Amino acid sequence: MGMSQQIEKKPYINRHMTVRIPKGMTDAIKEFLTTEQAAKMGFDSRADVVTAAVRKLLNECGYYNIEKREE
């Protein structure tokens, strides 16, 4: 394949990471996700719940400004 036929690859940007939380918490999150309350709040996955919880904690402690950082 010649240089003109190669497809330019875009650089991969790592936007996520993996963290570990206690199994009891994951069980509680799974149970919560089956509720109407979770659906009304727009939560579809464990990641959604954990992200919202971390965002809230960091915002309350002054380390994450929701208005400036929302994606």
C-alpha atoms as a PDB file:
ATOM      1  CA  MET A   1       0.000   0.000   0.000  1.00  0.00           C
ATOM      2  CA  GLY A   2       1.470   3.353  -1.001  1.00  0.00           C
ATOM      3  CA  MET A   3       1.666   6.406   1.208  1.00  0.00           C
ATOM      4  CA  SER A   4      -1.250   8.048  -0.593  1.00  0.00           C
ATOM      5  CA  GLN A   5      -3.462   5.034   0.170  1.00  0.00           C
ATOM      6  CA  GLN A   6      -2.772   4.916   3.911  1.00  0.00           C
ATOM      7  CA  ILE A   7      -5.527   6.136   6.168  1.00  0.00           C
ATOM      8  CA  GLU A   8      -4.445   8.797   8.624  1.00  0.00           C
ATOM      9  CA  LYS A   9      -5.207   7.672  12.174  1.00  0.00           C
ATOM     10  CA  LYS A  10      -6.462  10.206  14.672  1.00  0.00           C
ATOM     11  CA  PRO A  11      -4.692  10.233  18.027  1.00  0.00           C
ATOM     12  CA  TYR A  12      -6.535   8.264  20.694  1.00  0.00           C
ATOM     13  CA  ILE A  13      -7.657  10.413  23.585  1.00  0.00           C
ATOM     14  CA  ASN A  14      -8.161   8.471  26.807  1.00  0.00           C
ATOM     15  CA  ARG A  15     -11.250   9.984  28.386  1.00  0.00           C
ATOM     16  CA  HIS A  16     -12.081   7.238  30.880  1.00  0.00           C
ATOM     17  CA  MET A  17     -10.392   5.149  33.522  1.00  0.00           C
ATOM     18  CA  THR A  18     -11.259   2.141  35.641  1.00  0.00           C
ATOM     19  CA  VAL A  19     -11.673   2.310  39.403  1.00  0.00           C
ATOM     20  CA  ARG A  20     -12.576  -0.349  41.930  1.00  0.00           C
ATOM     21  CA  ILE A  21     -15.365   0.023  44.451  1.00  0.00           C
ATOM     22  CA  PRO A  22     -16.576  -2.454  47.079  1.00  0.00           C
ATOM     23  CA  LYS A  23     -18.904  -5.191  45.823  1.00  0.00           C
ATOM     24  CA  GLY A  24     -21.591  -4.119  48.274  1.00  0.00           C
ATOM     25  CA  MET A  25     -21.735  -0.752  46.556  1.00  0.00           C
ATOM     26  CA  THR A  26     -21.965  -2.295  43.095  1.00  0.00           C
ATOM     27  CA  ASP A  27     -24.804  -4.518  44.311  1.00  0.00           C
ATOM     28  CA  ALA A  28     -26.628  -1.467  45.681  1.00  0.00           C
ATOM     29  CA  ILE A  29     -26.092   0.406  42.407  1.00  0.00           C
ATOM     30  CA  LYS A  30     -27.429  -2.544  40.383  1.00  0.00           C
ATOM     31  CA  GLU A  31     -30.510  -2.657  42.601  1.00  0.00           C
ATOM     32  CA  PHE A  32     -30.993   1.118  42.337  1.00  0.00           C
ATOM     33  CA  LEU A  33     -30.804   0.920  38.536  1.00  0.00           C
ATOM     34  CA  THR A  34     -33.900  -1.310  38.507  1.00  0.00           C
ATOM     35  CA  THR A  35     -36.008   1.409  40.132  1.00  0.00           C
ATOM     36  CA  GLU A  36     -38.307   3.992  38.619  1.00  0.00           C
ATOM     37  CA  GLN A  37     -36.340   6.657  40.501  1.00  0.00           C
ATOM     38  CA  ALA A  38     -33.150   5.762  38.620  1.00  0.00           C
ATOM     39  CA  ALA A  39     -35.006   5.849  35.312  1.00  0.00           C
ATOM     40  CA  LYS A  40     -36.514   9.250  36.120  1.00  0.00           C
ATOM     41  CA  MET A  41     -33.038  10.543  36.960  1.00  0.00           C
ATOM     42  CA  GLY A  42     -31.735   9.282  33.603  1.00  0.00           C
ATOM     43  CA  PHE A  43     -29.361   6.636  34.940  1.00  0.00           C
ATOM     44  CA  ASP A  44     -28.768   3.753  32.513  1.00  0.00           C
ATOM     45  CA  SER A  45     -25.570   2.227  33.884  1.00  0.00           C
ATOM     46  CA  ARG A  46     -23.373   1.785  36.923  1.00  0.00           C
ATOM     47  CA  ALA A  47     -20.935   4.237  35.362  1.00  0.00           C
ATOM     48  CA  ASP A  48     -23.672   6.904  35.188  1.00  0.00           C
ATOM     49  CA  VAL A  49     -24.423   6.520  38.897  1.00  0.00           C
ATOM     50  CA  VAL A  50     -20.782   6.541  39.981  1.00  0.00           C
ATOM     51  CA  THR A  51     -19.960   9.533  37.773  1.00  0.00           C
ATOM     52  CA  ALA A  52     -22.890  11.510  39.212  1.00  0.00           C
ATOM     53  CA  ALA A  53     -21.901  10.647  42.782  1.00  0.00           C
ATOM     54  CA  VAL A  54     -18.261  11.621  42.285  1.00  0.00           C
ATOM     55  CA  ARG A  55     -19.246  14.822  40.452  1.00  0.00           C
ATOM     56  CA  LYS A  56     -21.567  15.802  43.318  1.00  0.00           C
ATOM     57  CA  LEU A  57     -18.951  15.118  46.012  1.00  0.00           C
ATOM     58  CA  LEU A  58     -16.197  17.028  44.211  1.00  0.00           C
ATOM     59  CA  ASN A  59     -18.527  19.942  43.483  1.00  0.00           C
ATOM     60  CA  GLU A  60     -19.616  20.149  47.136  1.00  0.00           C
ATOM     61  CA  CYS A  61     -15.962  20.114  48.252  1.00  0.00           C
ATOM     62  CA  GLY A  62     -15.046  22.826  45.745  1.00  0.00           C
ATOM     63  CA  TYR A  63     -12.867  20.686  43.457  1.00  0.00           C
ATOM     64  CA  TYR A  64     -15.182  20.439  40.477  1.00  0.00           C
ATOM     65  CA  ASN A  65     -17.231  23.314  39.100  1.00  0.00           C
ATOM     66  CA  ILE A  66     -20.160  21.690  37.315  1.00  0.00           C
ATOM     67  CA  GLU A  67     -21.042  24.811  35.313  1.00  0.00           C
ATOM     68  CA  LYS A  68     -17.509  25.124  33.897  1.00  0.00           C
ATOM     69  CA  ARG A  69     -16.780  21.444  33.272  1.00  0.00           C
ATOM     70  CA  GLU A  70     -19.945  19.841  31.947  1.00  0.00           C
ATOM     71  CA  GLU A  71     -19.213  17.768  28.863  1.00  0.00           C
END
